[in-house]
């Protein structure tokens, strides 16, 4: 490359959101990484301090309203691989720790880079992480812009997991939520109607009843009702949107992402087979078509989905 061509190449504008080397080196996240998790400084790392995660989540993710640039910086520093995941401890880790992992996984998907490999070495810990994600998805929280950003991030991660059923790690977690057993949340008459249409499923249903472990009854019931409860929560959030007046943009975005989630579940054969009936039983499509959001300008995309 000639000097003129090299100069021209350097003058080319960077892609939107891209970070320069000088910006990366001068960033506060780089200094934190060098102190706690950067591979190049591993011999001089300070002891693990969970408060670091709390501070980063509050300042770099929450206060920045999930800024793409700040999350990109964290991803570039290998925050997930070298600090968040090695120090995650199931039910003991804080919500900030959980949500930080969620943000990093979603960013990896956005950048289209390898995601699940970091988790494959410890499937038991991943199961604990995913269970906490599911619990956070259906917990009752006041509808605010901050809470809706979190709920959207959680929903996106769950959707990524369902769309990664070819990965054993994800398949083991997702399949328990969409098996025939989820029909236990249907009204008895509706369930009988569906089982009558497919005698083979009735045989499977009887086997499920016989194999059920009484000691795991509550856990199994929670799993089988998860998607139903998630749809009920979505409908409740959707109905908080007024016909006119101020509207929370983050709530609209959550509703859009939720419909995308439903579409993806319907598009996949392993998830559609039994989920479709539960979704129909919840009257989700009807409730969406009757919602105020469909008739508002802000709901144009929602109405098209």
C-alpha atoms as a PDB file:
ATOM      1  CA  UNK A   1       0.000   0.000   0.000  1.00  0.00           C
ATOM      2  CA  UNK A   2       1.393   3.386  -1.008  1.00  0.00           C
ATOM      3  CA  UNK A   3       1.680   6.228   1.555  1.00  0.00           C
ATOM      4  CA  UNK A   4      -1.198   8.026  -0.179  1.00  0.00           C
ATOM      5  CA  UNK A   5      -3.398   4.921  -0.035  1.00  0.00           C
ATOM      6  CA  UNK A   6      -2.468   4.326   3.629  1.00  0.00           C
ATOM      7  CA  UNK A   7      -3.422   7.890   4.534  1.00  0.00           C
ATOM      8  CA  UNK A   8      -6.702   7.532   2.637  1.00  0.00           C
ATOM      9  CA  UNK A   9      -7.426   4.256   4.498  1.00  0.00           C
ATOM     10  CA  UNK A  10      -6.795   5.886   7.871  1.00  0.00           C
ATOM     11  CA  UNK A  11      -9.145   8.745   6.986  1.00  0.00           C
ATOM     12  CA  UNK A  12     -12.069   6.408   6.272  1.00  0.00           C
ATOM     13  CA  UNK A  13     -14.880   6.886   8.809  1.00  0.00           C
ATOM     14  CA  UNK A  14     -15.282   4.100  11.357  1.00  0.00           C
ATOM     15  CA  UNK A  15     -18.497   2.086  11.464  1.00  0.00           C
ATOM     16  CA  UNK A  16     -21.159   3.576  13.710  1.00  0.00           C
ATOM     17  CA  UNK A  17     -20.446   2.723  17.339  1.00  0.00           C
ATOM     18  CA  UNK A  18     -16.882   1.544  16.621  1.00  0.00           C
ATOM     19  CA  UNK A  19     -14.138   2.292  19.133  1.00  0.00           C
ATOM     20  CA  UNK A  20     -10.639   3.460  18.296  1.00  0.00           C
ATOM     21  CA  UNK A  21      -7.527   2.009  19.947  1.00  0.00           C
ATOM     22  CA  UNK A  22      -6.830   5.310  21.693  1.00  0.00           C
ATOM     23  CA  UNK A  23     -10.391   5.435  23.066  1.00  0.00           C
ATOM     24  CA  UNK A  24     -10.107   1.879  24.359  1.00  0.00           C
ATOM     25  CA  UNK A  25      -6.758   2.493  26.031  1.00  0.00           C
ATOM     26  CA  UNK A  26      -7.982   5.664  27.729  1.00  0.00           C
ATOM     27  CA  UNK A  27     -11.280   4.214  28.923  1.00  0.00           C
ATOM     28  CA  UNK A  28     -11.980   3.633  32.612  1.00  0.00           C
ATOM     29  CA  UNK A  29     -13.139   0.096  31.834  1.00  0.00           C
ATOM     30  CA  UNK A  30      -9.680  -0.740  30.474  1.00  0.00           C
ATOM     31  CA  UNK A  31      -8.089   0.418  33.733  1.00  0.00           C
ATOM     32  CA  UNK A  32     -10.540  -1.706  35.727  1.00  0.00           C
ATOM     33  CA  UNK A  33      -9.877  -4.690  33.475  1.00  0.00           C
ATOM     34  CA  UNK A  34      -6.145  -4.357  34.010  1.00  0.00           C
ATOM     35  CA  UNK A  35      -6.719  -4.346  37.755  1.00  0.00           C
ATOM     36  CA  UNK A  36      -9.119  -7.293  37.965  1.00  0.00           C
ATOM     37  CA  UNK A  37      -9.519  -9.482  34.882  1.00  0.00           C
ATOM     38  CA  UNK A  38      -7.444  -8.622  31.802  1.00  0.00           C
ATOM     39  CA  UNK A  39      -5.400 -11.688  30.668  1.00  0.00           C
ATOM     40  CA  UNK A  40      -2.313  -9.517  30.061  1.00  0.00           C
ATOM     41  CA  UNK A  41      -2.159  -8.425  33.712  1.00  0.00           C
ATOM     42  CA  UNK A  42      -3.119 -11.719  35.357  1.00  0.00           C
ATOM     43  CA  UNK A  43      -0.048 -11.745  37.627  1.00  0.00           C
ATOM     44  CA  UNK A  44      -0.940  -8.404  39.207  1.00  0.00           C
ATOM     45  CA  UNK A  45      -4.720  -8.738  39.610  1.00  0.00           C
ATOM     46  CA  UNK A  46      -6.332  -7.485  42.793  1.00  0.00           C
ATOM     47  CA  UNK A  47      -8.522  -9.964  44.756  1.00  0.00           C
ATOM     48  CA  UNK A  48     -12.054 -10.485  43.473  1.00  0.00           C
ATOM     49  CA  UNK A  49     -14.399  -7.798  44.734  1.00  0.00           C
ATOM     50  CA  UNK A  50     -18.152  -8.166  44.014  1.00  0.00           C
ATOM     51  CA  UNK A  51     -18.606  -4.431  44.507  1.00  0.00           C
ATOM     52  CA  UNK A  52     -16.777  -3.904  41.220  1.00  0.00           C
ATOM     53  CA  UNK A  53     -19.644  -5.642  39.407  1.00  0.00           C
ATOM     54  CA  UNK A  54     -22.233  -3.594  41.305  1.00  0.00           C
ATOM     55  CA  UNK A  55     -20.491  -0.343  40.363  1.00  0.00           C
ATOM     56  CA  UNK A  56     -20.020  -1.297  36.717  1.00  0.00           C
ATOM     57  CA  UNK A  57     -23.635  -2.381  36.343  1.00  0.00           C
ATOM     58  CA  UNK A  58     -24.968   0.809  37.893  1.00  0.00           C
ATOM     59  CA  UNK A  59     -22.632   3.236  36.133  1.00  0.00           C
ATOM     60  CA  UNK A  60     -21.833   1.631  32.782  1.00  0.00           C
ATOM     61  CA  UNK A  61     -25.098  -0.201  32.062  1.00  0.00           C
ATOM     62  CA  UNK A  62     -27.998   1.262  34.068  1.00  0.00           C
ATOM     63  CA  UNK A  63     -26.990   4.926  34.218  1.00  0.00           C
ATOM     64  CA  UNK A  64     -26.064   4.858  30.526  1.00  0.00           C
ATOM     65  CA  UNK A  65     -29.455   3.273  29.688  1.00  0.00           C
ATOM     66  CA  UNK A  66     -27.746   0.154  28.358  1.00  0.00           C
ATOM     67  CA  UNK A  67     -25.459   2.200  26.121  1.00  0.00           C
ATOM     68  CA  UNK A  68     -24.210   0.126  23.206  1.00  0.00           C
ATOM     69  CA  UNK A  69     -20.799   1.768  23.349  1.00  0.00           C
ATOM     70  CA  UNK A  70     -20.294   1.021  27.056  1.00  0.00           C
ATOM     71  CA  UNK A  71     -21.416  -2.604  26.686  1.00  0.00           C
ATOM     72  CA  UNK A  72     -19.123  -2.961  23.662  1.00  0.00           C
ATOM     73  CA  UNK A  73     -16.229  -1.794  25.818  1.00  0.00           C
ATOM     74  CA  UNK A  74     -17.045  -4.387  28.473  1.00  0.00           C
ATOM     75  CA  UNK A  75     -17.281  -7.123  25.843  1.00  0.00           C
ATOM     76  CA  UNK A  76     -13.969  -6.087  24.287  1.00  0.00           C
ATOM     77  CA  UNK A  77     -12.313  -6.354  27.710  1.00  0.00           C
ATOM     78  CA  UNK A  78     -13.516 -10.001  28.048  1.00  0.00           C
ATOM     79  CA  UNK A  79     -15.566  -9.046  31.092  1.00  0.00           C
ATOM     80  CA  UNK A  80     -17.857 -12.083  30.810  1.00  0.00           C
ATOM     81  CA  UNK A  81     -15.179 -14.717  30.279  1.00  0.00           C
ATOM     82  CA  UNK A  82     -12.647 -13.544  32.832  1.00  0.00           C
ATOM     83  CA  UNK A  83     -14.656 -11.895  35.608  1.00  0.00           C
ATOM     84  CA  UNK A  84     -18.422 -12.336  35.528  1.00  0.00           C
ATOM     85  CA  UNK A  85     -18.791 -16.021  34.751  1.00  0.00           C
ATOM     86  CA  UNK A  86     -15.835 -17.395  36.798  1.00  0.00           C
ATOM     87  CA  UNK A  87     -17.209 -15.592  39.876  1.00  0.00           C
ATOM     88  CA  UNK A  88     -20.915 -16.355  39.399  1.00  0.00           C
ATOM     89  CA  UNK A  89     -22.272 -18.382  42.290  1.00  0.00           C
ATOM     90  CA  UNK A  90     -25.831 -19.524  41.570  1.00  0.00           C
ATOM     91  CA  UNK A  91     -28.322 -18.098  44.045  1.00  0.00           C
ATOM     92  CA  UNK A  92     -25.682 -16.173  46.002  1.00  0.00           C
ATOM     93  CA  UNK A  93     -24.637 -13.749  43.263  1.00  0.00           C
ATOM     94  CA  UNK A  94     -26.423 -10.406  43.154  1.00  0.00           C
ATOM     95  CA  UNK A  95     -29.020  -9.284  40.653  1.00  0.00           C
ATOM     96  CA  UNK A  96     -26.459  -6.874  39.195  1.00  0.00           C
ATOM     97  CA  UNK A  97     -24.152  -9.838  38.589  1.00  0.00           C
ATOM     98  CA  UNK A  98     -26.965 -11.757  36.883  1.00  0.00           C
ATOM     99  CA  UNK A  99     -28.030  -8.833  34.709  1.00  0.00           C
ATOM    100  CA  UNK A 100     -24.432  -8.080  33.748  1.00  0.00           C
ATOM    101  CA  UNK A 101     -24.068 -11.615  32.352  1.00  0.00           C
ATOM    102  CA  UNK A 102     -27.365 -11.169  30.492  1.00  0.00           C
ATOM    103  CA  UNK A 103     -26.116  -7.928  28.926  1.00  0.00           C
ATOM    104  CA  UNK A 104     -22.837  -9.531  27.848  1.00  0.00           C
ATOM    105  CA  UNK A 105     -24.506 -12.582  26.298  1.00  0.00           C
ATOM    106  CA  UNK A 106     -26.915 -10.375  24.351  1.00  0.00           C
ATOM    107  CA  UNK A 107     -23.999  -8.266  23.129  1.00  0.00           C
ATOM    108  CA  UNK A 108     -22.165 -11.354  21.886  1.00  0.00           C
ATOM    109  CA  UNK A 109     -25.238 -12.312  19.885  1.00  0.00           C
ATOM    110  CA  UNK A 110     -25.462  -8.799  18.490  1.00  0.00           C
ATOM    111  CA  UNK A 111     -21.825  -8.984  17.405  1.00  0.00           C
ATOM    112  CA  UNK A 112     -22.369 -12.524  16.040  1.00  0.00           C
ATOM    113  CA  UNK A 113     -19.468 -14.056  17.940  1.00  0.00           C
ATOM    114  CA  UNK A 114     -19.158 -17.373  19.828  1.00  0.00           C
ATOM    115  CA  UNK A 115     -21.475 -17.302  22.845  1.00  0.00           C
ATOM    116  CA  UNK A 116     -22.075 -20.615  24.564  1.00  0.00           C
ATOM    117  CA  UNK A 117     -18.557 -22.015  24.704  1.00  0.00           C
ATOM    118  CA  UNK A 118     -17.727 -20.048  27.841  1.00  0.00           C
ATOM    119  CA  UNK A 119     -20.595 -21.810  29.682  1.00  0.00           C
ATOM    120  CA  UNK A 120     -20.047 -25.358  28.437  1.00  0.00           C
ATOM    121  CA  UNK A 121     -17.383 -26.191  31.002  1.00  0.00           C
ATOM    122  CA  UNK A 122     -19.892 -25.901  33.849  1.00  0.00           C
ATOM    123  CA  UNK A 123     -23.427 -26.911  32.779  1.00  0.00           C
ATOM    124  CA  UNK A 124     -24.618 -27.143  36.406  1.00  0.00           C
ATOM    125  CA  UNK A 125     -23.761 -23.506  37.015  1.00  0.00           C
ATOM    126  CA  UNK A 126     -25.396 -22.539  33.726  1.00  0.00           C
ATOM    127  CA  UNK A 127     -28.580 -24.329  34.831  1.00  0.00           C
ATOM    128  CA  UNK A 128     -28.577 -22.226  38.019  1.00  0.00           C
ATOM    129  CA  UNK A 129     -27.973 -19.063  36.003  1.00  0.00           C
ATOM    130  CA  UNK A 130     -30.767 -19.849  33.549  1.00  0.00           C
ATOM    131  CA  UNK A 131     -33.201 -20.652  36.356  1.00  0.00           C
ATOM    132  CA  UNK A 132     -32.526 -17.246  37.890  1.00  0.00           C
ATOM    133  CA  UNK A 133     -33.088 -15.618  34.509  1.00  0.00           C
ATOM    134  CA  UNK A 134     -36.462 -17.364  34.214  1.00  0.00           C
ATOM    135  CA  UNK A 135     -37.462 -16.295  37.726  1.00  0.00           C
ATOM    136  CA  UNK A 136     -36.488 -12.695  36.969  1.00  0.00           C
ATOM    137  CA  UNK A 137     -38.598 -12.794  33.786  1.00  0.00           C
ATOM    138  CA  UNK A 138     -41.860 -13.369  35.658  1.00  0.00           C
ATOM    139  CA  UNK A 139     -41.226 -11.486  38.882  1.00  0.00           C
ATOM    140  CA  UNK A 140     -43.577  -8.615  39.579  1.00  0.00           C
ATOM    141  CA  UNK A 141     -41.875  -5.228  39.322  1.00  0.00           C
ATOM    142  CA  UNK A 142     -43.134  -1.674  38.956  1.00  0.00           C
ATOM    143  CA  UNK A 143     -43.287  -0.683  35.288  1.00  0.00           C
ATOM    144  CA  UNK A 144     -40.563   1.956  34.862  1.00  0.00           C
ATOM    145  CA  UNK A 145     -38.146   2.635  31.988  1.00  0.00           C
ATOM    146  CA  UNK A 146     -35.299   1.033  33.976  1.00  0.00           C
ATOM    147  CA  UNK A 147     -37.276  -2.082  34.906  1.00  0.00           C
ATOM    148  CA  UNK A 148     -38.546  -2.504  31.339  1.00  0.00           C
ATOM    149  CA  UNK A 149     -35.001  -2.290  29.955  1.00  0.00           C
ATOM    150  CA  UNK A 150     -34.073  -5.136  32.279  1.00  0.00           C
ATOM    151  CA  UNK A 151     -37.138  -7.169  31.375  1.00  0.00           C
ATOM    152  CA  UNK A 152     -36.402  -6.724  27.677  1.00  0.00           C
ATOM    153  CA  UNK A 153     -32.789  -7.838  28.157  1.00  0.00           C
ATOM    154  CA  UNK A 154     -33.933 -10.949  30.053  1.00  0.00           C
ATOM    155  CA  UNK A 155     -36.506 -11.793  27.400  1.00  0.00           C
ATOM    156  CA  UNK A 156     -33.949 -11.412  24.600  1.00  0.00           C
ATOM    157  CA  UNK A 157     -31.576 -13.806  26.352  1.00  0.00           C
ATOM    158  CA  UNK A 158     -34.309 -16.430  26.841  1.00  0.00           C
ATOM    159  CA  UNK A 159     -35.175 -16.106  23.165  1.00  0.00           C
ATOM    160  CA  UNK A 160     -31.516 -16.595  22.211  1.00  0.00           C
ATOM    161  CA  UNK A 161     -31.487 -19.773  24.269  1.00  0.00           C
ATOM    162  CA  UNK A 162     -34.602 -21.138  22.547  1.00  0.00           C
ATOM    163  CA  UNK A 163     -33.083 -20.284  19.181  1.00  0.00           C
ATOM    164  CA  UNK A 164     -29.939 -22.224  20.118  1.00  0.00           C
ATOM    165  CA  UNK A 165     -31.621 -25.593  20.638  1.00  0.00           C
ATOM    166  CA  UNK A 166     -28.874 -27.221  18.559  1.00  0.00           C
ATOM    167  CA  UNK A 167     -26.533 -26.515  21.497  1.00  0.00           C
ATOM    168  CA  UNK A 168     -26.959 -29.203  24.160  1.00  0.00           C
ATOM    169  CA  UNK A 169     -26.461 -26.719  26.982  1.00  0.00           C
ATOM    170  CA  UNK A 170     -29.435 -24.645  25.791  1.00  0.00           C
ATOM    171  CA  UNK A 171     -31.550 -27.580  24.691  1.00  0.00           C
ATOM    172  CA  UNK A 172     -31.410 -29.133  28.158  1.00  0.00           C
ATOM    173  CA  UNK A 173     -32.770 -25.933  29.691  1.00  0.00           C
ATOM    174  CA  UNK A 174     -35.320 -24.992  27.047  1.00  0.00           C
ATOM    175  CA  UNK A 175     -36.952 -28.350  26.363  1.00  0.00           C
ATOM    176  CA  UNK A 176     -38.284 -28.706  29.930  1.00  0.00           C
ATOM    177  CA  UNK A 177     -40.361 -25.557  29.366  1.00  0.00           C
ATOM    178  CA  UNK A 178     -42.030 -26.612  26.108  1.00  0.00           C
ATOM    179  CA  UNK A 179     -42.677 -30.340  26.476  1.00  0.00           C
ATOM    180  CA  UNK A 180     -46.102 -32.012  26.550  1.00  0.00           C
ATOM    181  CA  UNK A 181     -46.052 -31.549  30.331  1.00  0.00           C
ATOM    182  CA  UNK A 182     -46.763 -27.831  29.864  1.00  0.00           C
ATOM    183  CA  UNK A 183     -50.349 -28.790  28.986  1.00  0.00           C
ATOM    184  CA  UNK A 184     -50.927 -29.194  32.715  1.00  0.00           C
ATOM    185  CA  UNK A 185     -51.655 -25.452  32.726  1.00  0.00           C
ATOM    186  CA  UNK A 186     -54.552 -25.859  30.277  1.00  0.00           C
ATOM    187  CA  UNK A 187     -58.154 -25.989  31.394  1.00  0.00           C
ATOM    188  CA  UNK A 188     -59.101 -29.691  31.836  1.00  0.00           C
ATOM    189  CA  UNK A 189     -61.729 -29.608  29.078  1.00  0.00           C
ATOM    190  CA  UNK A 190     -59.316 -27.992  26.627  1.00  0.00           C
ATOM    191  CA  UNK A 191     -56.632 -30.524  27.479  1.00  0.00           C
ATOM    192  CA  UNK A 192     -59.017 -33.427  26.973  1.00  0.00           C
ATOM    193  CA  UNK A 193     -60.065 -31.995  23.642  1.00  0.00           C
ATOM    194  CA  UNK A 194     -56.450 -31.797  22.474  1.00  0.00           C
ATOM    195  CA  UNK A 195     -55.525 -35.255  23.754  1.00  0.00           C
ATOM    196  CA  UNK A 196     -58.557 -36.779  22.027  1.00  0.00           C
ATOM    197  CA  UNK A 197     -57.294 -35.457  18.715  1.00  0.00           C
ATOM    198  CA  UNK A 198     -53.934 -37.228  19.077  1.00  0.00           C
ATOM    199  CA  UNK A 199     -54.168 -40.582  20.926  1.00  0.00           C
ATOM    200  CA  UNK A 200     -50.383 -40.963  20.932  1.00  0.00           C
ATOM    201  CA  UNK A 201     -50.046 -37.852  23.067  1.00  0.00           C
ATOM    202  CA  UNK A 202     -52.586 -39.242  25.508  1.00  0.00           C
ATOM    203  CA  UNK A 203     -50.295 -42.252  26.008  1.00  0.00           C
ATOM    204  CA  UNK A 204     -47.368 -39.932  26.687  1.00  0.00           C
ATOM    205  CA  UNK A 205     -49.534 -37.883  29.045  1.00  0.00           C
ATOM    206  CA  UNK A 206     -50.423 -40.972  31.112  1.00  0.00           C
ATOM    207  CA  UNK A 207     -46.758 -41.954  31.299  1.00  0.00           C
ATOM    208  CA  UNK A 208     -45.878 -38.480  32.532  1.00  0.00           C
ATOM    209  CA  UNK A 209     -48.427 -38.755  35.325  1.00  0.00           C
ATOM    210  CA  UNK A 210     -47.017 -42.116  36.431  1.00  0.00           C
ATOM    211  CA  UNK A 211     -43.375 -40.992  36.366  1.00  0.00           C
ATOM    212  CA  UNK A 212     -43.939 -37.768  38.272  1.00  0.00           C
ATOM    213  CA  UNK A 213     -41.800 -37.471  41.377  1.00  0.00           C
ATOM    214  CA  UNK A 214     -43.846 -36.087  44.326  1.00  0.00           C
ATOM    215  CA  UNK A 215     -40.717 -34.475  45.785  1.00  0.00           C
ATOM    216  CA  UNK A 216     -40.281 -32.357  42.636  1.00  0.00           C
ATOM    217  CA  UNK A 217     -43.940 -31.471  42.277  1.00  0.00           C
ATOM    218  CA  UNK A 218     -43.558 -27.750  42.968  1.00  0.00           C
ATOM    219  CA  UNK A 219     -40.498 -27.403  40.751  1.00  0.00           C
ATOM    220  CA  UNK A 220     -42.186 -29.214  37.871  1.00  0.00           C
ATOM    221  CA  UNK A 221     -45.364 -27.181  38.259  1.00  0.00           C
ATOM    222  CA  UNK A 222     -43.344 -23.954  38.112  1.00  0.00           C
ATOM    223  CA  UNK A 223     -41.584 -25.034  34.921  1.00  0.00           C
ATOM    224  CA  UNK A 224     -44.803 -26.172  33.238  1.00  0.00           C
ATOM    225  CA  UNK A 225     -46.543 -22.889  34.003  1.00  0.00           C
ATOM    226  CA  UNK A 226     -43.585 -20.625  33.156  1.00  0.00           C
ATOM    227  CA  UNK A 227     -44.542 -19.677  29.605  1.00  0.00           C
ATOM    228  CA  UNK A 228     -48.190 -19.268  30.547  1.00  0.00           C
ATOM    229  CA  UNK A 229     -47.224 -16.968  33.431  1.00  0.00           C
ATOM    230  CA  UNK A 230     -44.865 -15.054  31.147  1.00  0.00           C
ATOM    231  CA  UNK A 231     -47.680 -14.447  28.644  1.00  0.00           C
ATOM    232  CA  UNK A 232     -50.016 -13.324  31.417  1.00  0.00           C
ATOM    233  CA  UNK A 233     -47.367 -10.865  32.589  1.00  0.00           C
ATOM    234  CA  UNK A 234     -46.922  -9.568  29.031  1.00  0.00           C
ATOM    235  CA  UNK A 235     -50.669  -9.002  28.674  1.00  0.00           C
ATOM    236  CA  UNK A 236     -50.754  -7.120  31.989  1.00  0.00           C
ATOM    237  CA  UNK A 237     -47.880  -4.885  30.847  1.00  0.00           C
ATOM    238  CA  UNK A 238     -49.490  -4.354  27.448  1.00  0.00           C
ATOM    239  CA  UNK A 239     -52.681  -3.210  29.138  1.00  0.00           C
ATOM    240  CA  UNK A 240     -50.827  -0.495  31.093  1.00  0.00           C
ATOM    241  CA  UNK A 241     -50.393   1.414  27.812  1.00  0.00           C
ATOM    242  CA  UNK A 242     -53.131   4.097  27.618  1.00  0.00           C
ATOM    243  CA  UNK A 243     -55.123   4.895  24.452  1.00  0.00           C
ATOM    244  CA  UNK A 244     -53.536   8.360  24.360  1.00  0.00           C
ATOM    245  CA  UNK A 245     -51.125  10.545  26.282  1.00  0.00           C
ATOM    246  CA  UNK A 246     -47.552   9.867  27.429  1.00  0.00           C
ATOM    247  CA  UNK A 247     -46.133   6.427  26.735  1.00  0.00           C
ATOM    248  CA  UNK A 248     -43.036   4.645  28.011  1.00  0.00           C
ATOM    249  CA  UNK A 249     -40.805   3.844  25.025  1.00  0.00           C
ATOM    250  CA  UNK A 250     -39.166   0.980  26.903  1.00  0.00           C
ATOM    251  CA  UNK A 251     -42.568  -0.627  27.493  1.00  0.00           C
ATOM    252  CA  UNK A 252     -43.285  -0.444  23.768  1.00  0.00           C
ATOM    253  CA  UNK A 253     -39.921  -2.014  23.014  1.00  0.00           C
ATOM    254  CA  UNK A 254     -40.600  -4.828  25.495  1.00  0.00           C
ATOM    255  CA  UNK A 255     -43.953  -5.542  23.839  1.00  0.00           C
ATOM    256  CA  UNK A 256     -42.319  -5.610  20.398  1.00  0.00           C
ATOM    257  CA  UNK A 257     -39.627  -8.000  21.583  1.00  0.00           C
ATOM    258  CA  UNK A 258     -42.216 -10.201  23.261  1.00  0.00           C
ATOM    259  CA  UNK A 259     -44.169 -10.631  20.049  1.00  0.00           C
ATOM    260  CA  UNK A 260     -40.887 -11.481  18.281  1.00  0.00           C
ATOM    261  CA  UNK A 261     -40.294 -14.080  20.984  1.00  0.00           C
ATOM    262  CA  UNK A 262     -43.710 -15.635  20.366  1.00  0.00           C
ATOM    263  CA  UNK A 263     -43.096 -15.680  16.616  1.00  0.00           C
ATOM    264  CA  UNK A 264     -39.787 -17.468  17.126  1.00  0.00           C
ATOM    265  CA  UNK A 265     -41.381 -20.078  19.390  1.00  0.00           C
ATOM    266  CA  UNK A 266     -44.070 -20.654  16.778  1.00  0.00           C
ATOM    267  CA  UNK A 267     -41.456 -20.970  14.021  1.00  0.00           C
ATOM    268  CA  UNK A 268     -39.501 -23.782  15.708  1.00  0.00           C
ATOM    269  CA  UNK A 269     -41.011 -27.268  15.506  1.00  0.00           C
ATOM    270  CA  UNK A 270     -39.603 -28.442  18.900  1.00  0.00           C
ATOM    271  CA  UNK A 271     -41.268 -25.487  20.627  1.00  0.00           C
ATOM    272  CA  UNK A 272     -44.377 -24.955  18.496  1.00  0.00           C
ATOM    273  CA  UNK A 273     -45.899 -28.420  18.912  1.00  0.00           C
ATOM    274  CA  UNK A 274     -47.243 -27.913  22.446  1.00  0.00           C
ATOM    275  CA  UNK A 275     -46.659 -24.199  23.001  1.00  0.00           C
ATOM    276  CA  UNK A 276     -49.104 -23.191  20.266  1.00  0.00           C
ATOM    277  CA  UNK A 277     -52.029 -24.650  22.212  1.00  0.00           C
ATOM    278  CA  UNK A 278     -51.044 -22.867  25.434  1.00  0.00           C
ATOM    279  CA  UNK A 279     -50.652 -19.558  23.599  1.00  0.00           C
ATOM    280  CA  UNK A 280     -54.083 -19.981  22.032  1.00  0.00           C
ATOM    281  CA  UNK A 281     -55.544 -20.814  25.449  1.00  0.00           C
ATOM    282  CA  UNK A 282     -54.162 -17.510  26.776  1.00  0.00           C
ATOM    283  CA  UNK A 283     -55.856 -15.574  23.926  1.00  0.00           C
ATOM    284  CA  UNK A 284     -52.630 -13.642  23.337  1.00  0.00           C
ATOM    285  CA  UNK A 285     -53.334 -12.760  19.691  1.00  0.00           C
ATOM    286  CA  UNK A 286     -56.808 -11.457  20.525  1.00  0.00           C
ATOM    287  CA  UNK A 287     -55.548  -9.400  23.470  1.00  0.00           C
ATOM    288  CA  UNK A 288     -52.815  -7.886  21.291  1.00  0.00           C
ATOM    289  CA  UNK A 289     -55.270  -6.955  18.524  1.00  0.00           C
ATOM    290  CA  UNK A 290     -57.571  -5.270  21.061  1.00  0.00           C
ATOM    291  CA  UNK A 291     -54.793  -3.379  22.849  1.00  0.00           C
ATOM    292  CA  UNK A 292     -54.381   0.390  22.832  1.00  0.00           C
ATOM    293  CA  UNK A 293     -50.846   0.039  21.472  1.00  0.00           C
ATOM    294  CA  UNK A 294     -52.123  -1.284  18.122  1.00  0.00           C
ATOM    295  CA  UNK A 295     -54.104   1.927  17.597  1.00  0.00           C
ATOM    296  CA  UNK A 296     -51.291   4.286  18.577  1.00  0.00           C
ATOM    297  CA  UNK A 297     -48.635   5.648  16.219  1.00  0.00           C
ATOM    298  CA  UNK A 298     -45.944   4.254  18.518  1.00  0.00           C
ATOM    299  CA  UNK A 299     -47.399   0.791  17.939  1.00  0.00           C
ATOM    300  CA  UNK A 300     -46.892   0.676  14.170  1.00  0.00           C
ATOM    301  CA  UNK A 301     -44.130  -1.910  14.387  1.00  0.00           C
ATOM    302  CA  UNK A 302     -45.979  -3.872  17.061  1.00  0.00           C
ATOM    303  CA  UNK A 303     -49.048  -4.058  14.818  1.00  0.00           C
ATOM    304  CA  UNK A 304     -46.962  -5.337  11.898  1.00  0.00           C
ATOM    305  CA  UNK A 305     -45.345  -8.192  13.814  1.00  0.00           C
END
